[in-house]
Amino acid sequence: MSESTLPEVRLSPWPAPPAEAGNDVSRLDYTSDWDGQPDWGVLIPGKPRCDWAVVLHGHGSGGDQLLTRPDIRDQWLPALRSAGLGILSVNLRGNAWMSPAAVNDLHGLIGWLKQTHPAGKLFLCGGSMGGTSALIYAVQHPEQWSGVMALCPAADLPSYWHWAREREAQIPVLGEIATAIEMSYGATPERSPQLYARHSAWTQRHRLNMPLSLVHGTADLIIPYEPTRQLADALSGSADVYYEEMPDGNHDSPIPAFSRSLEWLLSKQ
């Protein structure tokens, strides 16, 4: 991965933000130094010199998921705002599953955030693809984070790709996800095993040295819970880990756990 440079960011007012977000909401536009691709996100400042949460969206959503998806907007936004956190919610190439290009772009945006909004601690959070991406980025740059939250994540990207391909006939969205992963990474896990290993939270788990919150439902048909449990068990002796398993919980069941996971992360500071 090449070192990203600070992007040139353009901010403009977000039209008619939801009440949960407050009035000071901006659209953030930038151009990636990786390949010149334009991209965007949402910026919601907190208190002066506050801590910040970087929020990653799920597959099929965009950088405004925090504002536009009702269950996430109604449960995550109030938790973040009441904690006094600034919020950066980023699009990161859509369904990129934290590919090398997405890692590069987020690294540049974090540098920009630190330079323009002097911050205290940084927290990384997301669910589904967003939770997967949070784990992947955290093992790439563990030094940046005071805490990481991953709801219903794929703890090992290459094995998840195989799992999805094996079930795509029964659950078509799994085929869409597997295709999005290999397109973003430019290859399948068989063709680029080292690349996928670098982007596997399980393979790189020794780098997850920050407080880590993991939540997964046992009846999740989109991302299996067993690798998340395995990751939590493996880290329990070397890192501060909160693991919540929801019996019979589906893929969306961890959404309400966001507030208590955030409270746990903040209590570790």
C-alpha atoms as a PDB file:
ATOM      1  CA  MET A   1       0.000   0.000   0.000  1.00  0.00           C
ATOM      2  CA  SER A   2       1.379   3.386  -0.949  1.00  0.00           C
ATOM      3  CA  GLU A   3       1.312   6.172   1.603  1.00  0.00           C
ATOM      4  CA  SER A   4      -1.745   8.314   0.990  1.00  0.00           C
ATOM      5  CA  THR A   5      -1.479  12.086   0.935  1.00  0.00           C
ATOM      6  CA  LEU A   6      -3.952  14.430   2.554  1.00  0.00           C
ATOM      7  CA  PRO A   7      -6.855  14.869   0.138  1.00  0.00           C
ATOM      8  CA  GLU A   8      -8.249  18.217  -0.887  1.00  0.00           C
ATOM      9  CA  VAL A   9     -11.617  18.230   0.843  1.00  0.00           C
ATOM     10  CA  ARG A  10     -14.589  20.406  -0.073  1.00  0.00           C
ATOM     11  CA  LEU A  11     -17.378  20.899   2.449  1.00  0.00           C
ATOM     12  CA  SER A  12     -20.917  22.009   1.653  1.00  0.00           C
ATOM     13  CA  PRO A  13     -24.095  22.135   3.778  1.00  0.00           C
ATOM     14  CA  TRP A  14     -26.106  18.909   3.879  1.00  0.00           C
ATOM     15  CA  PRO A  15     -29.652  19.661   2.689  1.00  0.00           C
ATOM     16  CA  ALA A  16     -32.354  19.082   5.306  1.00  0.00           C
ATOM     17  CA  PRO A  17     -30.459  16.822   7.727  1.00  0.00           C
ATOM     18  CA  PRO A  18     -32.570  14.701  10.092  1.00  0.00           C
ATOM     19  CA  ALA A  19     -33.259  16.163  13.508  1.00  0.00           C
ATOM     20  CA  GLU A  20     -31.131  13.479  15.173  1.00  0.00           C
ATOM     21  CA  ALA A  21     -28.045  14.833  13.386  1.00  0.00           C
ATOM     22  CA  GLY A  22     -28.438  18.470  14.393  1.00  0.00           C
ATOM     23  CA  ASN A  23     -28.065  21.440  12.062  1.00  0.00           C
ATOM     24  CA  ASP A  24     -24.308  21.504  11.497  1.00  0.00           C
ATOM     25  CA  VAL A  25     -24.045  18.692   8.940  1.00  0.00           C
ATOM     26  CA  SER A  26     -21.773  18.901   5.909  1.00  0.00           C
ATOM     27  CA  ARG A  27     -21.239  16.869   2.782  1.00  0.00           C
ATOM     28  CA  LEU A  28     -17.559  16.100   2.323  1.00  0.00           C
ATOM     29  CA  ASP A  29     -16.238  15.686  -1.242  1.00  0.00           C
ATOM     30  CA  TYR A  30     -12.702  14.680  -2.151  1.00  0.00           C
ATOM     31  CA  THR A  31     -10.630  13.068  -4.878  1.00  0.00           C
ATOM     32  CA  SER A  32      -8.601   9.954  -4.149  1.00  0.00           C
ATOM     33  CA  ASP A  33      -4.858  10.160  -4.693  1.00  0.00           C
ATOM     34  CA  TRP A  34      -4.955   6.401  -5.426  1.00  0.00           C
ATOM     35  CA  ASP A  35      -6.576   6.702  -8.847  1.00  0.00           C
ATOM     36  CA  GLY A  36      -8.254  10.106  -9.085  1.00  0.00           C
ATOM     37  CA  GLN A  37     -11.699   8.751  -8.241  1.00  0.00           C
ATOM     38  CA  PRO A  38     -14.073  11.265  -6.637  1.00  0.00           C
ATOM     39  CA  ASP A  39     -15.834  10.203  -3.452  1.00  0.00           C
ATOM     40  CA  TRP A  40     -17.736  11.684  -0.549  1.00  0.00           C
ATOM     41  CA  GLY A  41     -18.906  11.400   3.028  1.00  0.00           C
ATOM     42  CA  VAL A  42     -20.775  13.151   5.834  1.00  0.00           C
ATOM     43  CA  LEU A  43     -19.166  15.303   8.530  1.00  0.00           C
ATOM     44  CA  ILE A  44     -20.945  16.206  11.783  1.00  0.00           C
ATOM     45  CA  PRO A  45     -18.731  18.194  14.184  1.00  0.00           C
ATOM     46  CA  GLY A  46     -18.979  17.585  17.906  1.00  0.00           C
ATOM     47  CA  LYS A  47     -17.726  19.754  20.720  1.00  0.00           C
ATOM     48  CA  PRO A  48     -14.473  21.724  20.247  1.00  0.00           C
ATOM     49  CA  ARG A  49     -11.432  19.437  20.321  1.00  0.00           C
ATOM     50  CA  CYS A  50     -13.729  16.466  20.818  1.00  0.00           C
ATOM     51  CA  ASP A  51     -13.226  12.778  20.255  1.00  0.00           C
ATOM     52  CA  TRP A  52     -14.459  11.425  16.911  1.00  0.00           C
ATOM     53  CA  ALA A  53     -16.286   8.370  15.608  1.00  0.00           C
ATOM     54  CA  VAL A  54     -15.591   7.182  12.076  1.00  0.00           C
ATOM     55  CA  VAL A  55     -18.644   5.242  10.851  1.00  0.00           C
ATOM     56  CA  LEU A  56     -18.486   2.745   7.984  1.00  0.00           C
ATOM     57  CA  HIS A  57     -21.614   1.709   6.081  1.00  0.00           C
ATOM     58  CA  GLY A  58     -22.947  -1.684   5.058  1.00  0.00           C
ATOM     59  CA  HIS A  59     -23.070  -3.370   1.666  1.00  0.00           C
ATOM     60  CA  GLY A  60     -25.617  -1.757  -0.638  1.00  0.00           C
ATOM     61  CA  SER A  61     -25.654   1.504   1.316  1.00  0.00           C
ATOM     62  CA  GLY A  62     -23.554   4.659   1.053  1.00  0.00           C
ATOM     63  CA  GLY A  63     -21.822   7.259   3.123  1.00  0.00           C
ATOM     64  CA  ASP A  64     -25.158   8.727   4.208  1.00  0.00           C
ATOM     65  CA  GLN A  65     -26.515   5.483   5.724  1.00  0.00           C
ATOM     66  CA  LEU A  66     -26.249   7.044   9.163  1.00  0.00           C
ATOM     67  CA  LEU A  67     -28.700   9.748   8.052  1.00  0.00           C
ATOM     68  CA  THR A  68     -31.038   7.850   5.751  1.00  0.00           C
ATOM     69  CA  ARG A  69     -31.583   4.305   7.067  1.00  0.00           C
ATOM     70  CA  PRO A  70     -34.299   4.694   9.723  1.00  0.00           C
ATOM     71  CA  ASP A  71     -33.224   2.011  12.214  1.00  0.00           C
ATOM     72  CA  ILE A  72     -29.590   3.094  12.144  1.00  0.00           C
ATOM     73  CA  ARG A  73     -30.433   6.810  12.130  1.00  0.00           C
ATOM     74  CA  ASP A  74     -32.813   6.438  15.083  1.00  0.00           C
ATOM     75  CA  GLN A  75     -30.490   4.293  17.216  1.00  0.00           C
ATOM     76  CA  TRP A  76     -26.903   5.134  16.276  1.00  0.00           C
ATOM     77  CA  LEU A  77     -27.091   8.887  15.771  1.00  0.00           C
ATOM     78  CA  PRO A  78     -28.549   9.690  19.217  1.00  0.00           C
ATOM     79  CA  ALA A  79     -25.896   7.501  20.886  1.00  0.00           C
ATOM     80  CA  LEU A  80     -23.074   9.273  19.047  1.00  0.00           C
ATOM     81  CA  ARG A  81     -24.504  12.742  19.604  1.00  0.00           C
ATOM     82  CA  SER A  82     -25.235  12.229  23.298  1.00  0.00           C
ATOM     83  CA  ALA A  83     -21.630  11.095  23.750  1.00  0.00           C
ATOM     84  CA  GLY A  84     -20.471  14.441  22.314  1.00  0.00           C
ATOM     85  CA  LEU A  85     -18.526  12.781  19.509  1.00  0.00           C
ATOM     86  CA  GLY A  86     -17.777  14.309  16.160  1.00  0.00           C
ATOM     87  CA  ILE A  87     -18.825  12.003  13.327  1.00  0.00           C
ATOM     88  CA  LEU A  88     -17.208  11.203   9.996  1.00  0.00           C
ATOM     89  CA  SER A  89     -19.290   8.805   7.899  1.00  0.00           C
ATOM     90  CA  VAL A  90     -17.554   7.887   4.661  1.00  0.00           C
ATOM     91  CA  ASN A  91     -18.638   6.291   1.395  1.00  0.00           C
ATOM     92  CA  LEU A  92     -15.267   4.683   0.552  1.00  0.00           C
ATOM     93  CA  ARG A  93     -16.006   3.518  -3.003  1.00  0.00           C
ATOM     94  CA  GLY A  94     -19.378   1.997  -2.166  1.00  0.00           C
ATOM     95  CA  ASN A  95     -19.218  -1.788  -1.840  1.00  0.00           C
ATOM     96  CA  ALA A  96     -15.419  -1.950  -1.595  1.00  0.00           C
ATOM     97  CA  TRP A  97     -15.075  -4.135   1.528  1.00  0.00           C
ATOM     98  CA  MET A  98     -12.015  -2.104   2.613  1.00  0.00           C
ATOM     99  CA  SER A  99      -9.951  -2.912  -0.461  1.00  0.00           C
ATOM    100  CA  PRO A 100      -6.404  -1.500  -0.700  1.00  0.00           C
ATOM    101  CA  ALA A 101      -7.780   1.590  -2.451  1.00  0.00           C
ATOM    102  CA  ALA A 102     -10.347   2.102   0.321  1.00  0.00           C
ATOM    103  CA  VAL A 103      -7.641   1.699   2.987  1.00  0.00           C
ATOM    104  CA  ASN A 104      -5.602   4.351   1.192  1.00  0.00           C
ATOM    105  CA  ASP A 105      -8.544   6.744   0.986  1.00  0.00           C
ATOM    106  CA  LEU A 106      -9.543   6.350   4.625  1.00  0.00           C
ATOM    107  CA  HIS A 107      -5.942   6.822   5.730  1.00  0.00           C
ATOM    108  CA  GLY A 108      -5.849  10.129   3.872  1.00  0.00           C
ATOM    109  CA  LEU A 109      -9.173  11.250   5.332  1.00  0.00           C
ATOM    110  CA  ILE A 110      -8.041  10.432   8.880  1.00  0.00           C
ATOM    111  CA  GLY A 111      -4.941  12.549   8.271  1.00  0.00           C
ATOM    112  CA  TRP A 112      -7.123  15.389   7.012  1.00  0.00           C
ATOM    113  CA  LEU A 113      -9.437  15.076  10.021  1.00  0.00           C
ATOM    114  CA  LYS A 114      -6.547  15.263  12.482  1.00  0.00           C
ATOM    115  CA  GLN A 115      -5.117  18.308  10.724  1.00  0.00           C
ATOM    116  CA  THR A 116      -8.327  20.319  10.322  1.00  0.00           C
ATOM    117  CA  HIS A 117     -10.332  19.223  13.379  1.00  0.00           C
ATOM    118  CA  PRO A 118      -7.811  18.712  16.196  1.00  0.00           C
ATOM    119  CA  ALA A 119      -9.174  15.630  17.839  1.00  0.00           C
ATOM    120  CA  GLY A 120      -8.647  13.607  20.952  1.00  0.00           C
ATOM    121  CA  LYS A 121      -9.422   9.926  20.597  1.00  0.00           C
ATOM    122  CA  LEU A 122     -10.680   8.187  17.463  1.00  0.00           C
ATOM    123  CA  PHE A 123     -13.199   5.341  17.396  1.00  0.00           C
ATOM    124  CA  LEU A 124     -13.995   3.174  14.378  1.00  0.00           C
ATOM    125  CA  CYS A 125     -17.368   1.468  14.025  1.00  0.00           C
ATOM    126  CA  GLY A 126     -19.683  -0.220  11.559  1.00  0.00           C
ATOM    127  CA  GLY A 127     -21.961  -3.162  10.906  1.00  0.00           C
ATOM    128  CA  SER A 128     -21.937  -5.939   8.305  1.00  0.00           C
ATOM    129  CA  MET A 129     -19.600  -4.762   5.526  1.00  0.00           C
ATOM    130  CA  GLY A 130     -18.941  -1.749   7.739  1.00  0.00           C
ATOM    131  CA  GLY A 131     -17.984  -3.987  10.654  1.00  0.00           C
ATOM    132  CA  THR A 132     -15.821  -6.122   8.379  1.00  0.00           C
ATOM    133  CA  SER A 133     -14.158  -3.001   7.013  1.00  0.00           C
ATOM    134  CA  ALA A 134     -13.591  -1.633  10.514  1.00  0.00           C
ATOM    135  CA  LEU A 135     -11.663  -4.773  11.461  1.00  0.00           C
ATOM    136  CA  ILE A 136      -9.676  -4.755   8.221  1.00  0.00           C
ATOM    137  CA  TYR A 137      -8.677  -1.113   8.558  1.00  0.00           C
ATOM    138  CA  ALA A 138      -7.894  -1.564  12.253  1.00  0.00           C
ATOM    139  CA  VAL A 139      -5.305  -4.253  11.490  1.00  0.00           C
ATOM    140  CA  GLN A 140      -3.809  -2.009   8.801  1.00  0.00           C
ATOM    141  CA  HIS A 141      -3.503   1.016  11.102  1.00  0.00           C
ATOM    142  CA  PRO A 142      -3.996  -0.040  14.743  1.00  0.00           C
ATOM    143  CA  GLU A 143      -2.081   2.982  16.003  1.00  0.00           C
ATOM    144  CA  GLN A 144      -4.917   5.341  15.078  1.00  0.00           C
ATOM    145  CA  TRP A 145      -7.728   3.907  17.208  1.00  0.00           C
ATOM    146  CA  SER A 146      -8.734   4.141  20.839  1.00  0.00           C
ATOM    147  CA  GLY A 147     -11.497   1.607  20.210  1.00  0.00           C
ATOM    148  CA  VAL A 148     -13.134  -0.385  17.430  1.00  0.00           C
ATOM    149  CA  MET A 149     -16.701  -1.692  17.146  1.00  0.00           C
ATOM    150  CA  ALA A 150     -17.667  -4.357  14.616  1.00  0.00           C
ATOM    151  CA  LEU A 151     -21.273  -5.555  14.496  1.00  0.00           C
ATOM    152  CA  CYS A 152     -21.937  -8.796  12.556  1.00  0.00           C
ATOM    153  CA  PRO A 153     -18.579  -8.669  10.739  1.00  0.00           C
ATOM    154  CA  ALA A 154     -16.782 -11.158   8.517  1.00  0.00           C
ATOM    155  CA  ALA A 155     -13.732 -11.805  10.688  1.00  0.00           C
ATOM    156  CA  ASP A 156     -11.820 -13.572   7.915  1.00  0.00           C
ATOM    157  CA  LEU A 157     -12.439 -12.097   4.469  1.00  0.00           C
ATOM    158  CA  PRO A 158     -11.065 -14.944   2.287  1.00  0.00           C
ATOM    159  CA  SER A 159     -13.018 -17.685   4.073  1.00  0.00           C
ATOM    160  CA  TYR A 160     -16.119 -15.490   3.997  1.00  0.00           C
ATOM    161  CA  TRP A 161     -15.763 -15.121   0.227  1.00  0.00           C
ATOM    162  CA  HIS A 162     -15.768 -18.931  -0.105  1.00  0.00           C
ATOM    163  CA  TRP A 163     -18.711 -19.240   2.310  1.00  0.00           C
ATOM    164  CA  ALA A 164     -20.711 -16.723   0.273  1.00  0.00           C
ATOM    165  CA  ARG A 165     -19.953 -18.414  -3.055  1.00  0.00           C
ATOM    166  CA  GLU A 166     -21.064 -21.774  -1.670  1.00  0.00           C
ATOM    167  CA  ARG A 167     -24.483 -20.338  -0.716  1.00  0.00           C
ATOM    168  CA  GLU A 168     -25.211 -17.848  -3.469  1.00  0.00           C
ATOM    169  CA  ALA A 169     -27.726 -20.117  -5.225  1.00  0.00           C
ATOM    170  CA  GLN A 170     -29.911 -20.118  -2.109  1.00  0.00           C
ATOM    171  CA  ILE A 171     -29.246 -16.495  -1.085  1.00  0.00           C
ATOM    172  CA  PRO A 172     -28.515 -14.397  -4.204  1.00  0.00           C
ATOM    173  CA  VAL A 173     -27.193 -11.381  -2.285  1.00  0.00           C
ATOM    174  CA  LEU A 174     -24.241 -13.526  -1.206  1.00  0.00           C
ATOM    175  CA  GLY A 175     -23.241 -13.872  -4.833  1.00  0.00           C
ATOM    176  CA  GLU A 176     -23.480 -10.098  -5.236  1.00  0.00           C
ATOM    177  CA  ILE A 177     -21.253  -9.650  -2.181  1.00  0.00           C
ATOM    178  CA  ALA A 178     -18.658 -12.168  -3.375  1.00  0.00           C
ATOM    179  CA  THR A 179     -18.524 -10.477  -6.775  1.00  0.00           C
ATOM    180  CA  ALA A 180     -18.151  -7.042  -5.177  1.00  0.00           C
ATOM    181  CA  ILE A 181     -15.258  -8.309  -3.056  1.00  0.00           C
ATOM    182  CA  GLU A 182     -13.306  -9.830  -5.933  1.00  0.00           C
ATOM    183  CA  MET A 183     -13.931  -6.800  -8.143  1.00  0.00           C
ATOM    184  CA  SER A 184     -12.714  -4.404  -5.435  1.00  0.00           C
ATOM    185  CA  TYR A 185      -9.651  -6.522  -4.726  1.00  0.00           C
ATOM    186  CA  GLY A 186      -8.961  -7.256  -8.386  1.00  0.00           C
ATOM    187  CA  ALA A 187      -8.765 -11.005  -7.842  1.00  0.00           C
ATOM    188  CA  THR A 188     -10.234 -13.958  -5.969  1.00  0.00           C
ATOM    189  CA  PRO A 189      -8.591 -15.260  -2.783  1.00  0.00           C
ATOM    190  CA  GLU A 190      -7.114 -18.161  -4.755  1.00  0.00           C
ATOM    191  CA  ARG A 191      -5.359 -15.819  -7.155  1.00  0.00           C
ATOM    192  CA  SER A 192      -4.103 -13.336  -4.522  1.00  0.00           C
ATOM    193  CA  PRO A 193      -3.857 -15.187  -1.191  1.00  0.00           C
ATOM    194  CA  GLN A 194      -1.281 -12.808   0.286  1.00  0.00           C
ATOM    195  CA  LEU A 195      -3.427  -9.774  -0.481  1.00  0.00           C
ATOM    196  CA  TYR A 196      -6.440 -11.329   1.208  1.00  0.00           C
ATOM    197  CA  ALA A 197      -4.346 -12.456   4.164  1.00  0.00           C
ATOM    198  CA  ARG A 198      -3.277  -8.838   4.742  1.00  0.00           C
ATOM    199  CA  HIS A 199      -6.960  -7.876   4.778  1.00  0.00           C
ATOM    200  CA  SER A 200      -8.059 -10.630   7.141  1.00  0.00           C
ATOM    201  CA  ALA A 201      -8.710  -9.595  10.734  1.00  0.00           C
ATOM    202  CA  TRP A 202      -8.249 -13.222  11.760  1.00  0.00           C
ATOM    203  CA  THR A 203      -4.847 -13.614  10.105  1.00  0.00           C
ATOM    204  CA  GLN A 204      -3.699 -10.218  11.408  1.00  0.00           C
ATOM    205  CA  ARG A 205      -5.434 -10.506  14.783  1.00  0.00           C
ATOM    206  CA  HIS A 206      -2.224  -9.823  16.703  1.00  0.00           C
ATOM    207  CA  ARG A 207      -2.555  -6.200  15.530  1.00  0.00           C
ATOM    208  CA  LEU A 208      -5.944  -5.727  17.223  1.00  0.00           C
ATOM    209  CA  ASN A 209      -4.482  -4.319  20.424  1.00  0.00           C
ATOM    210  CA  MET A 210      -7.159  -1.696  21.137  1.00  0.00           C
ATOM    211  CA  PRO A 211     -10.468  -2.150  23.025  1.00  0.00           C
ATOM    212  CA  LEU A 212     -12.653  -4.126  20.643  1.00  0.00           C
ATOM    213  CA  SER A 213     -16.426  -4.655  20.720  1.00  0.00           C
ATOM    214  CA  LEU A 214     -17.889  -7.528  18.688  1.00  0.00           C
ATOM    215  CA  VAL A 215     -21.593  -8.421  18.432  1.00  0.00           C
ATOM    216  CA  HIS A 216     -23.153 -11.150  16.260  1.00  0.00           C
ATOM    217  CA  GLY A 217     -26.423 -13.063  15.971  1.00  0.00           C
ATOM    218  CA  THR A 218     -26.293 -16.851  15.831  1.00  0.00           C
ATOM    219  CA  ALA A 219     -28.968 -17.077  13.118  1.00  0.00           C
ATOM    220  CA  ASP A 220     -27.254 -14.626  10.745  1.00  0.00           C
ATOM    221  CA  LEU A 221     -27.729 -15.916   7.187  1.00  0.00           C
ATOM    222  CA  ILE A 222     -25.584 -13.201   5.559  1.00  0.00           C
ATOM    223  CA  ILE A 223     -22.360 -13.400   7.584  1.00  0.00           C
ATOM    224  CA  PRO A 224     -21.687 -16.400   9.866  1.00  0.00           C
ATOM    225  CA  TYR A 225     -21.134 -15.755  13.562  1.00  0.00           C
ATOM    226  CA  GLU A 226     -18.623 -18.539  14.268  1.00  0.00           C
ATOM    227  CA  PRO A 227     -15.540 -16.632  12.964  1.00  0.00           C
ATOM    228  CA  THR A 228     -16.503 -13.647  15.129  1.00  0.00           C
ATOM    229  CA  ARG A 229     -16.710 -15.876  18.197  1.00  0.00           C
ATOM    230  CA  GLN A 230     -13.383 -17.455  17.248  1.00  0.00           C
ATOM    231  CA  LEU A 231     -11.768 -14.019  16.951  1.00  0.00           C
ATOM    232  CA  ALA A 232     -13.149 -12.917  20.323  1.00  0.00           C
ATOM    233  CA  ASP A 233     -11.926 -16.101  21.986  1.00  0.00           C
ATOM    234  CA  ALA A 234      -8.467 -15.795  20.442  1.00  0.00           C
ATOM    235  CA  LEU A 235      -8.079 -12.186  21.596  1.00  0.00           C
ATOM    236  CA  SER A 236      -9.534 -12.597  25.074  1.00  0.00           C
ATOM    237  CA  GLY A 237      -6.153 -13.167  26.653  1.00  0.00           C
ATOM    238  CA  SER A 238      -4.264 -10.376  24.911  1.00  0.00           C
ATOM    239  CA  ALA A 239      -6.745  -7.546  24.296  1.00  0.00           C
ATOM    240  CA  ASP A 240      -9.729  -5.884  25.966  1.00  0.00           C
ATOM    241  CA  VAL A 241     -12.667  -7.490  24.160  1.00  0.00           C
ATOM    242  CA  TYR A 242     -16.421  -7.144  24.602  1.00  0.00           C
ATOM    243  CA  TYR A 243     -18.221  -9.986  22.848  1.00  0.00           C
ATOM    244  CA  GLU A 244     -21.982 -10.296  22.712  1.00  0.00           C
ATOM    245  CA  GLU A 245     -23.622 -13.250  21.023  1.00  0.00           C
ATOM    246  CA  MET A 246     -27.337 -12.943  20.278  1.00  0.00           C
ATOM    247  CA  PRO A 247     -29.069 -16.360  20.333  1.00  0.00           C
ATOM    248  CA  ASP A 248     -31.298 -16.719  17.247  1.00  0.00           C
ATOM    249  CA  GLY A 249     -30.370 -13.179  16.233  1.00  0.00           C
ATOM    250  CA  ASN A 250     -30.474 -12.370  12.512  1.00  0.00           C
ATOM    251  CA  HIS A 251     -28.184 -10.112  10.504  1.00  0.00           C
ATOM    252  CA  ASP A 252     -29.863  -6.931  11.748  1.00  0.00           C
ATOM    253  CA  SER A 253     -30.234  -7.982  15.378  1.00  0.00           C
ATOM    254  CA  PRO A 254     -26.954  -6.314  16.481  1.00  0.00           C
ATOM    255  CA  ILE A 255     -28.133  -2.844  15.395  1.00  0.00           C
ATOM    256  CA  PRO A 256     -29.599  -1.981  18.840  1.00  0.00           C
ATOM    257  CA  ALA A 257     -26.345  -3.142  20.464  1.00  0.00           C
ATOM    258  CA  PHE A 258     -24.563  -0.094  19.029  1.00  0.00           C
ATOM    259  CA  SER A 259     -25.335   2.145  22.002  1.00  0.00           C
ATOM    260  CA  ARG A 260     -24.142  -0.296  24.668  1.00  0.00           C
ATOM    261  CA  SER A 261     -21.082  -1.203  22.608  1.00  0.00           C
ATOM    262  CA  LEU A 262     -20.227   2.487  22.291  1.00  0.00           C
ATOM    263  CA  GLU A 263     -20.762   3.013  26.007  1.00  0.00           C
ATOM    264  CA  TRP A 264     -18.406   0.108  26.711  1.00  0.00           C
ATOM    265  CA  LEU A 265     -15.713   1.525  24.401  1.00  0.00           C
ATOM    266  CA  LEU A 266     -15.943   4.946  25.983  1.00  0.00           C
ATOM    267  CA  SER A 267     -15.709   3.438  29.475  1.00  0.00           C
ATOM    268  CA  LYS A 268     -12.300   1.996  28.554  1.00  0.00           C
ATOM    269  CA  GLN A 269     -10.735   5.423  28.023  1.00  0.00           C
END
